[in-house]
N, C-alpha and C. Protein backbone atom coordinates (compact mmCIF):
# COMPACT_ATOMS: atom_id res chain seq x y z
N MET A 1 -8.65 2.00 15.10
CA MET A 1 -8.87 2.75 16.30
C MET A 1 -8.47 4.20 16.03
N VAL A 2 -9.33 5.13 16.35
CA VAL A 2 -9.06 6.55 16.19
C VAL A 2 -8.66 7.11 17.54
N LYS A 3 -7.52 7.80 17.57
CA LYS A 3 -7.08 8.46 18.80
C LYS A 3 -7.36 9.93 18.63
N SER A 4 -8.09 10.50 19.56
CA SER A 4 -8.39 11.93 19.51
C SER A 4 -7.62 12.65 20.60
N PRO A 5 -6.52 13.31 20.21
CA PRO A 5 -5.79 14.06 21.23
C PRO A 5 -6.63 15.23 21.71
N THR A 6 -6.32 15.72 22.91
CA THR A 6 -7.08 16.84 23.44
C THR A 6 -6.93 18.06 22.55
N LYS A 7 -5.75 18.29 22.03
CA LYS A 7 -5.51 19.38 21.09
C LYS A 7 -5.07 18.73 19.77
N PRO A 8 -5.72 19.06 18.66
CA PRO A 8 -5.34 18.42 17.40
C PRO A 8 -3.86 18.63 17.08
N LEU A 9 -3.24 17.57 16.59
CA LEU A 9 -1.83 17.64 16.22
C LEU A 9 -1.69 18.02 14.76
N THR A 10 -0.61 18.69 14.45
CA THR A 10 -0.28 18.94 13.05
C THR A 10 0.44 17.71 12.51
N LEU A 11 0.57 17.63 11.21
CA LEU A 11 1.30 16.53 10.60
C LEU A 11 2.75 16.51 11.11
N GLU A 12 3.36 17.66 11.23
CA GLU A 12 4.74 17.75 11.70
C GLU A 12 4.86 17.22 13.14
N GLU A 13 3.88 17.55 13.99
CA GLU A 13 3.89 17.05 15.37
C GLU A 13 3.68 15.54 15.39
N PHE A 14 2.80 15.06 14.56
CA PHE A 14 2.55 13.61 14.47
C PHE A 14 3.83 12.87 14.10
N LEU A 15 4.57 13.39 13.13
CA LEU A 15 5.77 12.72 12.65
C LEU A 15 6.88 12.67 13.70
N LYS A 16 6.79 13.50 14.73
CA LYS A 16 7.77 13.49 15.82
C LYS A 16 7.42 12.46 16.90
N LEU A 17 6.20 11.94 16.88
CA LEU A 17 5.79 10.95 17.87
C LEU A 17 6.51 9.63 17.63
N PRO A 18 6.69 8.82 18.67
CA PRO A 18 7.30 7.50 18.46
C PRO A 18 6.37 6.63 17.61
N GLU A 19 6.97 5.75 16.82
CA GLU A 19 6.17 4.82 16.01
C GLU A 19 5.40 3.88 16.93
N THR A 20 4.26 3.43 16.45
CA THR A 20 3.43 2.48 17.19
C THR A 20 3.44 1.14 16.47
N LYS A 21 3.09 0.11 17.18
CA LYS A 21 2.92 -1.23 16.61
C LYS A 21 1.51 -1.68 16.92
N PRO A 22 0.66 -1.93 15.96
CA PRO A 22 0.87 -1.64 14.55
C PRO A 22 0.92 -0.15 14.29
N SER A 23 1.28 0.19 13.07
CA SER A 23 1.50 1.59 12.70
C SER A 23 0.25 2.44 12.83
N SER A 24 0.47 3.72 13.11
CA SER A 24 -0.61 4.70 13.10
C SER A 24 -0.44 5.58 11.87
N GLU A 25 -1.56 6.07 11.37
CA GLU A 25 -1.55 6.94 10.21
C GLU A 25 -2.15 8.29 10.59
N TYR A 26 -1.76 9.31 9.87
CA TYR A 26 -2.29 10.66 10.09
C TYR A 26 -3.14 11.01 8.89
N ILE A 27 -4.46 11.08 9.12
CA ILE A 27 -5.41 11.31 8.03
C ILE A 27 -6.40 12.39 8.47
N ASN A 28 -6.44 13.47 7.71
CA ASN A 28 -7.38 14.56 7.98
C ASN A 28 -7.34 15.02 9.44
N GLY A 29 -6.14 15.17 9.97
CA GLY A 29 -5.97 15.67 11.33
C GLY A 29 -6.19 14.64 12.42
N GLN A 30 -6.50 13.40 12.05
CA GLN A 30 -6.73 12.34 13.04
C GLN A 30 -5.61 11.31 12.99
N ILE A 31 -5.33 10.73 14.14
CA ILE A 31 -4.38 9.64 14.23
C ILE A 31 -5.20 8.35 14.28
N ILE A 32 -4.96 7.49 13.30
CA ILE A 32 -5.72 6.24 13.20
C ILE A 32 -4.73 5.08 13.20
N GLN A 33 -4.85 4.21 14.20
CA GLN A 33 -3.95 3.06 14.27
C GLN A 33 -4.49 1.94 13.40
N LYS A 34 -3.62 1.37 12.58
CA LYS A 34 -4.00 0.26 11.72
C LYS A 34 -4.22 -0.98 12.60
N PRO A 35 -5.07 -1.90 12.15
CA PRO A 35 -5.24 -3.14 12.92
C PRO A 35 -4.00 -4.03 12.81
N MET A 36 -3.82 -4.89 13.79
CA MET A 36 -2.71 -5.84 13.77
C MET A 36 -2.96 -6.84 12.64
N PRO A 37 -1.98 -7.01 11.73
CA PRO A 37 -2.17 -7.98 10.65
C PRO A 37 -2.35 -9.39 11.18
N GLN A 38 -3.21 -10.13 10.49
CA GLN A 38 -3.46 -11.52 10.85
C GLN A 38 -2.91 -12.42 9.75
N GLY A 39 -3.15 -13.70 9.84
CA GLY A 39 -2.55 -14.69 8.95
C GLY A 39 -2.75 -14.43 7.46
N LYS A 40 -3.99 -14.27 7.01
CA LYS A 40 -4.25 -14.08 5.59
C LYS A 40 -3.59 -12.81 5.08
N HIS A 41 -3.71 -11.76 5.86
CA HIS A 41 -3.09 -10.48 5.51
C HIS A 41 -1.58 -10.66 5.37
N SER A 42 -0.96 -11.29 6.34
CA SER A 42 0.49 -11.43 6.37
C SER A 42 1.01 -12.25 5.19
N ILE A 43 0.36 -13.37 4.88
CA ILE A 43 0.86 -14.20 3.78
C ILE A 43 0.68 -13.50 2.44
N LEU A 44 -0.45 -12.81 2.25
CA LEU A 44 -0.65 -12.07 1.00
C LEU A 44 0.39 -10.96 0.85
N GLN A 45 0.63 -10.22 1.93
CA GLN A 45 1.61 -9.14 1.90
C GLN A 45 3.00 -9.69 1.60
N SER A 46 3.39 -10.73 2.28
CA SER A 46 4.72 -11.32 2.09
C SER A 46 4.91 -11.83 0.66
N GLU A 47 3.93 -12.54 0.14
CA GLU A 47 4.03 -13.09 -1.21
C GLU A 47 4.05 -11.99 -2.27
N LEU A 48 3.24 -10.95 -2.08
CA LEU A 48 3.23 -9.85 -3.04
C LEU A 48 4.60 -9.17 -3.09
N VAL A 49 5.14 -8.82 -1.94
CA VAL A 49 6.44 -8.16 -1.89
C VAL A 49 7.50 -9.06 -2.55
N SER A 50 7.52 -10.32 -2.19
CA SER A 50 8.51 -11.25 -2.72
C SER A 50 8.37 -11.42 -4.24
N ASN A 51 7.16 -11.62 -4.72
CA ASN A 51 6.94 -11.84 -6.15
C ASN A 51 7.21 -10.58 -6.98
N ILE A 52 6.76 -9.43 -6.50
CA ILE A 52 7.04 -8.19 -7.22
C ILE A 52 8.54 -7.95 -7.28
N ASN A 53 9.22 -8.08 -6.14
CA ASN A 53 10.66 -7.81 -6.10
C ASN A 53 11.47 -8.83 -6.89
N SER A 54 10.99 -10.06 -7.00
CA SER A 54 11.74 -11.08 -7.76
C SER A 54 11.82 -10.72 -9.24
N ILE A 55 10.88 -9.95 -9.72
CA ILE A 55 10.89 -9.52 -11.12
C ILE A 55 11.43 -8.10 -11.26
N ALA A 56 10.96 -7.19 -10.44
CA ALA A 56 11.28 -5.78 -10.60
C ALA A 56 12.68 -5.40 -10.14
N LYS A 57 13.16 -6.01 -9.05
CA LYS A 57 14.46 -5.61 -8.50
C LYS A 57 15.63 -5.97 -9.42
N PRO A 58 15.72 -7.19 -9.96
CA PRO A 58 16.86 -7.50 -10.85
C PRO A 58 16.90 -6.62 -12.10
N GLN A 59 15.72 -6.21 -12.57
CA GLN A 59 15.66 -5.34 -13.75
C GLN A 59 15.83 -3.86 -13.38
N ARG A 60 15.85 -3.58 -12.09
CA ARG A 60 15.99 -2.22 -11.57
C ARG A 60 14.89 -1.30 -12.10
N VAL A 61 13.66 -1.83 -12.09
CA VAL A 61 12.52 -1.00 -12.53
C VAL A 61 11.69 -0.52 -11.36
N ALA A 62 11.67 -1.28 -10.27
CA ALA A 62 10.85 -0.90 -9.12
C ALA A 62 11.28 -1.72 -7.91
N LEU A 63 10.76 -1.30 -6.75
CA LEU A 63 10.99 -2.03 -5.51
C LEU A 63 9.73 -1.95 -4.66
N ALA A 64 9.33 -3.09 -4.12
CA ALA A 64 8.15 -3.17 -3.25
C ALA A 64 8.60 -3.16 -1.80
N PHE A 65 7.93 -2.35 -0.98
CA PHE A 65 8.24 -2.21 0.44
C PHE A 65 7.01 -2.59 1.25
N PRO A 66 7.15 -3.44 2.27
CA PRO A 66 6.02 -3.72 3.16
C PRO A 66 5.94 -2.66 4.26
N GLU A 67 4.71 -2.20 4.56
CA GLU A 67 4.48 -1.31 5.71
C GLU A 67 5.43 -0.12 5.74
N LEU A 68 5.54 0.60 4.64
CA LEU A 68 6.43 1.75 4.56
C LEU A 68 5.65 3.04 4.75
N ARG A 69 6.08 3.88 5.68
CA ARG A 69 5.42 5.17 5.89
C ARG A 69 5.71 6.09 4.72
N CYS A 70 4.63 6.62 4.13
CA CYS A 70 4.71 7.56 3.01
C CYS A 70 3.97 8.83 3.44
N THR A 71 4.67 9.96 3.41
CA THR A 71 4.09 11.21 3.87
C THR A 71 4.05 12.19 2.71
N PHE A 72 2.83 12.59 2.33
CA PHE A 72 2.65 13.50 1.19
C PHE A 72 1.22 14.02 1.21
N GLY A 73 1.03 15.17 0.63
CA GLY A 73 -0.32 15.73 0.48
C GLY A 73 -1.07 15.92 1.79
N GLY A 74 -0.36 16.19 2.88
CA GLY A 74 -1.00 16.43 4.16
C GLY A 74 -1.37 15.18 4.94
N ARG A 75 -0.99 14.01 4.45
CA ARG A 75 -1.25 12.74 5.15
C ARG A 75 0.06 11.99 5.36
N SER A 76 0.04 11.10 6.33
CA SER A 76 1.14 10.17 6.54
C SER A 76 0.51 8.79 6.67
N ILE A 77 0.66 7.99 5.63
CA ILE A 77 -0.01 6.69 5.58
C ILE A 77 1.02 5.57 5.49
N VAL A 78 0.57 4.36 5.78
CA VAL A 78 1.44 3.19 5.74
C VAL A 78 0.74 2.12 4.92
N PRO A 79 0.89 2.15 3.59
CA PRO A 79 0.26 1.10 2.78
C PRO A 79 0.82 -0.27 3.14
N ASP A 80 0.01 -1.28 2.96
CA ASP A 80 0.49 -2.65 3.23
C ASP A 80 1.66 -2.99 2.32
N VAL A 81 1.56 -2.59 1.06
CA VAL A 81 2.67 -2.72 0.11
C VAL A 81 2.74 -1.40 -0.67
N ALA A 82 3.91 -0.79 -0.67
CA ALA A 82 4.15 0.44 -1.45
C ALA A 82 5.23 0.11 -2.48
N VAL A 83 4.90 0.29 -3.75
CA VAL A 83 5.84 -0.02 -4.81
C VAL A 83 6.30 1.30 -5.44
N PHE A 84 7.62 1.45 -5.52
CA PHE A 84 8.21 2.67 -6.08
C PHE A 84 9.00 2.33 -7.33
N ALA A 85 8.81 3.14 -8.38
CA ALA A 85 9.66 3.04 -9.56
C ALA A 85 11.10 3.28 -9.11
N TRP A 86 12.02 2.57 -9.70
CA TRP A 86 13.42 2.58 -9.28
C TRP A 86 13.97 4.00 -9.17
N GLU A 87 13.71 4.83 -10.17
CA GLU A 87 14.26 6.18 -10.20
C GLU A 87 13.59 7.11 -9.19
N ARG A 88 12.49 6.68 -8.58
CA ARG A 88 11.79 7.52 -7.59
C ARG A 88 12.07 7.10 -6.15
N ILE A 89 12.86 6.08 -5.95
CA ILE A 89 13.16 5.64 -4.58
C ILE A 89 14.06 6.69 -3.92
N PRO A 90 13.59 7.29 -2.81
CA PRO A 90 14.42 8.30 -2.14
C PRO A 90 15.72 7.69 -1.61
N LEU A 91 16.80 8.42 -1.79
CA LEU A 91 18.12 8.00 -1.32
C LEU A 91 18.66 9.03 -0.33
N ASP A 92 19.48 8.55 0.58
CA ASP A 92 20.12 9.48 1.52
C ASP A 92 21.43 10.00 0.92
N GLU A 93 22.18 10.77 1.72
CA GLU A 93 23.40 11.39 1.22
C GLU A 93 24.48 10.38 0.85
N ARG A 94 24.38 9.15 1.34
CA ARG A 94 25.37 8.11 1.01
C ARG A 94 24.93 7.26 -0.18
N GLY A 95 23.73 7.53 -0.70
CA GLY A 95 23.23 6.73 -1.82
C GLY A 95 22.47 5.49 -1.38
N ASP A 96 22.22 5.36 -0.07
CA ASP A 96 21.42 4.25 0.46
C ASP A 96 19.94 4.62 0.38
N VAL A 97 19.08 3.61 0.43
CA VAL A 97 17.65 3.88 0.50
C VAL A 97 17.39 4.73 1.74
N ALA A 98 16.64 5.81 1.56
CA ALA A 98 16.35 6.73 2.66
C ALA A 98 15.42 6.08 3.68
N ASN A 99 15.45 6.58 4.88
CA ASN A 99 14.51 6.14 5.91
C ASN A 99 13.16 6.82 5.76
N VAL A 100 13.15 8.05 5.28
CA VAL A 100 11.93 8.84 5.20
C VAL A 100 11.52 8.98 3.73
N PHE A 101 10.27 8.62 3.44
CA PHE A 101 9.71 8.73 2.10
C PHE A 101 8.64 9.81 2.13
N LYS A 102 8.98 10.98 1.61
CA LYS A 102 8.04 12.10 1.58
C LYS A 102 7.42 12.20 0.19
N THR A 103 6.88 11.10 -0.28
CA THR A 103 6.29 11.04 -1.61
C THR A 103 5.31 9.87 -1.68
N TYR A 104 4.55 9.85 -2.73
CA TYR A 104 3.53 8.81 -2.96
C TYR A 104 4.18 7.57 -3.61
N PRO A 105 3.62 6.40 -3.35
CA PRO A 105 4.09 5.21 -4.07
C PRO A 105 3.52 5.22 -5.50
N ASP A 106 4.25 4.59 -6.40
CA ASP A 106 3.73 4.46 -7.77
C ASP A 106 2.57 3.48 -7.81
N TRP A 107 2.60 2.48 -6.94
CA TRP A 107 1.55 1.47 -6.86
C TRP A 107 1.30 1.23 -5.38
N THR A 108 0.08 1.45 -4.94
CA THR A 108 -0.27 1.23 -3.54
C THR A 108 -1.19 0.02 -3.44
N ILE A 109 -0.86 -0.87 -2.52
CA ILE A 109 -1.63 -2.10 -2.33
C ILE A 109 -2.05 -2.16 -0.87
N GLU A 110 -3.35 -2.30 -0.66
CA GLU A 110 -3.90 -2.45 0.70
C GLU A 110 -4.60 -3.80 0.78
N ILE A 111 -4.45 -4.45 1.93
CA ILE A 111 -5.10 -5.73 2.19
C ILE A 111 -6.06 -5.51 3.34
N LEU A 112 -7.32 -5.69 3.09
CA LEU A 112 -8.35 -5.40 4.08
C LEU A 112 -8.32 -6.42 5.22
N SER A 113 -8.28 -5.92 6.44
CA SER A 113 -8.37 -6.76 7.63
C SER A 113 -9.84 -6.81 8.05
N PRO A 114 -10.27 -7.87 8.74
CA PRO A 114 -11.69 -8.01 9.08
C PRO A 114 -12.29 -6.81 9.81
N GLU A 115 -11.54 -6.18 10.72
CA GLU A 115 -12.09 -5.07 11.50
C GLU A 115 -11.77 -3.71 10.91
N GLN A 116 -11.22 -3.68 9.71
CA GLN A 116 -10.78 -2.43 9.10
C GLN A 116 -11.90 -1.80 8.27
N SER A 117 -11.95 -0.49 8.25
CA SER A 117 -12.94 0.25 7.48
C SER A 117 -12.55 0.27 6.00
N GLN A 118 -13.39 -0.30 5.17
CA GLN A 118 -13.12 -0.30 3.74
C GLN A 118 -13.10 1.13 3.19
N THR A 119 -13.93 1.99 3.74
CA THR A 119 -13.98 3.38 3.30
C THR A 119 -12.67 4.10 3.60
N LYS A 120 -12.11 3.89 4.79
CA LYS A 120 -10.84 4.53 5.16
C LYS A 120 -9.71 4.05 4.26
N VAL A 121 -9.66 2.76 4.02
CA VAL A 121 -8.60 2.20 3.19
C VAL A 121 -8.75 2.70 1.75
N THR A 122 -9.97 2.72 1.25
CA THR A 122 -10.21 3.25 -0.10
C THR A 122 -9.82 4.71 -0.16
N GLY A 123 -10.09 5.46 0.90
CA GLY A 123 -9.69 6.87 0.96
C GLY A 123 -8.19 7.04 0.82
N ASN A 124 -7.41 6.16 1.43
CA ASN A 124 -5.95 6.23 1.30
C ASN A 124 -5.51 5.93 -0.13
N ILE A 125 -6.14 4.95 -0.75
CA ILE A 125 -5.82 4.63 -2.15
C ILE A 125 -6.14 5.82 -3.05
N LEU A 126 -7.32 6.41 -2.85
CA LEU A 126 -7.70 7.58 -3.67
C LEU A 126 -6.76 8.75 -3.44
N HIS A 127 -6.30 8.93 -2.20
CA HIS A 127 -5.33 9.98 -1.89
C HIS A 127 -4.05 9.75 -2.68
N CYS A 128 -3.59 8.51 -2.72
CA CYS A 128 -2.37 8.19 -3.49
C CYS A 128 -2.58 8.50 -4.97
N LEU A 129 -3.71 8.08 -5.52
CA LEU A 129 -3.99 8.31 -6.95
C LEU A 129 -4.07 9.81 -7.26
N LYS A 130 -4.67 10.57 -6.36
CA LYS A 130 -4.79 12.02 -6.55
C LYS A 130 -3.42 12.70 -6.62
N HIS A 131 -2.44 12.12 -5.93
CA HIS A 131 -1.11 12.74 -5.84
C HIS A 131 -0.09 12.11 -6.79
N GLY A 132 -0.50 11.17 -7.64
CA GLY A 132 0.42 10.68 -8.66
C GLY A 132 0.60 9.19 -8.78
N SER A 133 0.04 8.39 -7.87
CA SER A 133 0.19 6.94 -7.99
C SER A 133 -0.41 6.45 -9.30
N ARG A 134 0.19 5.41 -9.84
CA ARG A 134 -0.23 4.86 -11.13
C ARG A 134 -1.34 3.81 -11.00
N LEU A 135 -1.47 3.23 -9.80
CA LEU A 135 -2.45 2.17 -9.62
C LEU A 135 -2.65 1.90 -8.13
N GLY A 136 -3.86 1.49 -7.77
CA GLY A 136 -4.16 1.07 -6.41
C GLY A 136 -4.93 -0.23 -6.43
N TRP A 137 -4.60 -1.11 -5.49
CA TRP A 137 -5.34 -2.36 -5.30
C TRP A 137 -5.87 -2.37 -3.87
N LEU A 138 -7.13 -2.80 -3.71
CA LEU A 138 -7.69 -3.11 -2.40
C LEU A 138 -8.05 -4.59 -2.44
N ILE A 139 -7.29 -5.38 -1.71
CA ILE A 139 -7.47 -6.83 -1.68
C ILE A 139 -8.35 -7.19 -0.50
N ASP A 140 -9.42 -7.94 -0.76
CA ASP A 140 -10.31 -8.40 0.30
C ASP A 140 -10.18 -9.92 0.42
N PRO A 141 -9.40 -10.40 1.40
CA PRO A 141 -9.23 -11.84 1.56
C PRO A 141 -10.53 -12.55 1.96
N GLY A 142 -11.47 -11.80 2.55
CA GLY A 142 -12.73 -12.41 2.99
C GLY A 142 -13.58 -12.92 1.85
N ASP A 143 -13.63 -12.18 0.75
CA ASP A 143 -14.44 -12.64 -0.39
C ASP A 143 -13.60 -12.87 -1.65
N HIS A 144 -12.29 -12.95 -1.48
CA HIS A 144 -11.37 -13.24 -2.60
C HIS A 144 -11.62 -12.31 -3.78
N SER A 145 -11.60 -11.01 -3.49
CA SER A 145 -11.80 -10.02 -4.55
C SER A 145 -10.71 -8.96 -4.47
N VAL A 146 -10.51 -8.29 -5.60
CA VAL A 146 -9.56 -7.19 -5.67
C VAL A 146 -10.26 -6.03 -6.36
N LEU A 147 -10.31 -4.90 -5.68
CA LEU A 147 -10.83 -3.67 -6.28
C LEU A 147 -9.62 -2.94 -6.84
N VAL A 148 -9.60 -2.78 -8.16
CA VAL A 148 -8.48 -2.17 -8.86
C VAL A 148 -8.86 -0.73 -9.18
N ASP A 149 -8.01 0.21 -8.75
CA ASP A 149 -8.25 1.64 -8.96
C ASP A 149 -7.16 2.22 -9.84
N PRO A 150 -7.43 2.35 -11.15
CA PRO A 150 -6.49 3.10 -11.98
C PRO A 150 -6.77 4.59 -11.85
N PRO A 151 -5.77 5.45 -12.05
CA PRO A 151 -6.03 6.88 -11.91
C PRO A 151 -6.99 7.38 -12.99
N LYS A 152 -7.92 8.22 -12.56
CA LYS A 152 -8.88 8.91 -13.46
C LYS A 152 -9.68 7.94 -14.32
N GLN A 153 -9.95 6.74 -13.79
CA GLN A 153 -10.76 5.75 -14.49
C GLN A 153 -11.71 5.09 -13.50
N GLN A 154 -12.69 4.40 -14.03
CA GLN A 154 -13.64 3.66 -13.23
C GLN A 154 -12.93 2.50 -12.52
N PRO A 155 -13.14 2.32 -11.22
CA PRO A 155 -12.57 1.15 -10.54
C PRO A 155 -13.17 -0.13 -11.12
N GLU A 156 -12.43 -1.21 -10.96
CA GLU A 156 -12.89 -2.50 -11.47
C GLU A 156 -12.78 -3.53 -10.35
N LEU A 157 -13.84 -4.31 -10.16
CA LEU A 157 -13.84 -5.37 -9.15
C LEU A 157 -13.56 -6.70 -9.85
N LEU A 158 -12.47 -7.34 -9.44
CA LEU A 158 -12.09 -8.62 -10.03
C LEU A 158 -12.28 -9.72 -9.00
N GLN A 159 -13.04 -10.77 -9.39
CA GLN A 159 -13.34 -11.86 -8.47
C GLN A 159 -13.18 -13.24 -9.09
N GLU A 160 -13.15 -13.31 -10.40
CA GLU A 160 -13.04 -14.60 -11.09
C GLU A 160 -11.59 -15.05 -11.11
N SER A 161 -11.34 -16.33 -10.82
CA SER A 161 -9.97 -16.80 -10.63
C SER A 161 -9.09 -16.63 -11.86
N GLN A 162 -9.66 -16.66 -13.05
CA GLN A 162 -8.84 -16.55 -14.26
C GLN A 162 -8.56 -15.10 -14.67
N GLU A 163 -9.19 -14.13 -14.01
CA GLU A 163 -8.99 -12.73 -14.37
C GLU A 163 -7.56 -12.29 -14.04
N ILE A 164 -6.95 -11.61 -14.99
CA ILE A 164 -5.59 -11.10 -14.81
C ILE A 164 -5.66 -9.73 -14.15
N LEU A 165 -4.91 -9.58 -13.07
CA LEU A 165 -4.89 -8.32 -12.34
C LEU A 165 -4.02 -7.31 -13.08
N PRO A 166 -4.57 -6.11 -13.33
CA PRO A 166 -3.76 -5.08 -13.98
C PRO A 166 -2.62 -4.63 -13.07
N VAL A 167 -1.48 -4.33 -13.67
CA VAL A 167 -0.33 -3.83 -12.93
C VAL A 167 0.14 -2.55 -13.62
N PRO A 168 0.92 -1.73 -12.94
CA PRO A 168 1.43 -0.51 -13.59
C PRO A 168 2.30 -0.84 -14.80
N ASP A 169 2.42 0.10 -15.68
CA ASP A 169 3.18 -0.10 -16.91
C ASP A 169 4.67 -0.37 -16.67
N LEU A 170 5.14 -0.22 -15.46
CA LEU A 170 6.53 -0.55 -15.11
C LEU A 170 6.82 -2.03 -15.28
N PHE A 171 5.80 -2.85 -15.15
CA PHE A 171 5.96 -4.29 -15.02
C PHE A 171 5.51 -5.05 -16.25
N SER A 172 6.32 -5.07 -17.28
CA SER A 172 5.93 -5.80 -18.48
C SER A 172 5.97 -7.31 -18.25
N ASP A 173 6.78 -7.78 -17.32
CA ASP A 173 6.95 -9.22 -17.09
C ASP A 173 6.12 -9.77 -15.92
N PHE A 174 5.41 -8.93 -15.20
CA PHE A 174 4.68 -9.38 -14.02
C PHE A 174 3.22 -9.63 -14.38
N GLN A 175 2.78 -10.88 -14.19
CA GLN A 175 1.39 -11.22 -14.45
C GLN A 175 0.88 -12.09 -13.31
N LEU A 176 -0.30 -11.76 -12.83
CA LEU A 176 -0.89 -12.45 -11.69
C LEU A 176 -2.39 -12.50 -11.88
N THR A 177 -2.97 -13.67 -11.68
CA THR A 177 -4.42 -13.79 -11.76
C THR A 177 -5.01 -13.73 -10.36
N VAL A 178 -6.30 -13.50 -10.30
CA VAL A 178 -7.00 -13.51 -9.01
C VAL A 178 -6.80 -14.86 -8.34
N GLY A 179 -6.91 -15.94 -9.10
CA GLY A 179 -6.73 -17.29 -8.55
C GLY A 179 -5.34 -17.50 -7.98
N GLN A 180 -4.31 -17.03 -8.67
CA GLN A 180 -2.95 -17.17 -8.16
C GLN A 180 -2.76 -16.39 -6.87
N LEU A 181 -3.28 -15.16 -6.84
CA LEU A 181 -3.17 -14.33 -5.65
C LEU A 181 -3.76 -15.03 -4.43
N PHE A 182 -4.99 -15.48 -4.55
CA PHE A 182 -5.63 -16.11 -3.39
C PHE A 182 -5.21 -17.56 -3.20
N GLY A 183 -4.53 -18.13 -4.19
CA GLY A 183 -3.94 -19.46 -4.02
C GLY A 183 -2.84 -19.46 -2.98
N TRP A 184 -2.24 -18.28 -2.74
CA TRP A 184 -1.20 -18.18 -1.72
C TRP A 184 -1.74 -18.43 -0.32
N LEU A 185 -3.08 -18.36 -0.16
CA LEU A 185 -3.67 -18.61 1.16
C LEU A 185 -3.70 -20.09 1.51
N LYS A 186 -3.51 -20.94 0.53
CA LYS A 186 -3.53 -22.39 0.74
C LYS A 186 -2.10 -22.89 0.95
N LEU A 187 -1.94 -23.87 1.82
CA LEU A 187 -0.60 -24.43 2.05
C LEU A 187 -0.45 -25.74 1.32
């Protein structure tokens, strides 16, 4: 859903607004509310965060965050999963994880909802890659496919269950196939 204020808001004005449920994003001067996550989206998001963190967190190489607002390059977006290299995680003055992330994720993962614009979501992934992200995934639960976007390379569409999904170079121990990813949809 696109909200058109009577007078266009700046990014700074947008960031002062109260958070919405589901989250709203600021893209090219527009406020766009993300759709409410549904079952397939939620289980994929939960499993990705859990599986990435089970490997990356103990080794202190990265941390995966669900629905984390990232503000950079004139946009404020909320990737479904934002993965940050350990040394790039913003900290507050006490050394705790900061509340505000004014930077791009190293790995951005989006899960397409049925009513969501694939072009808009792809635009957010490309924005992340343009500003420094190492990898982007667009997961489509409807057709069990993953569009993999490495920076400055041709995107790759993976649909075969045995295909191994590429991950950023941070994760030497993390391996996931298309079949394993979509296997999480089964109980």
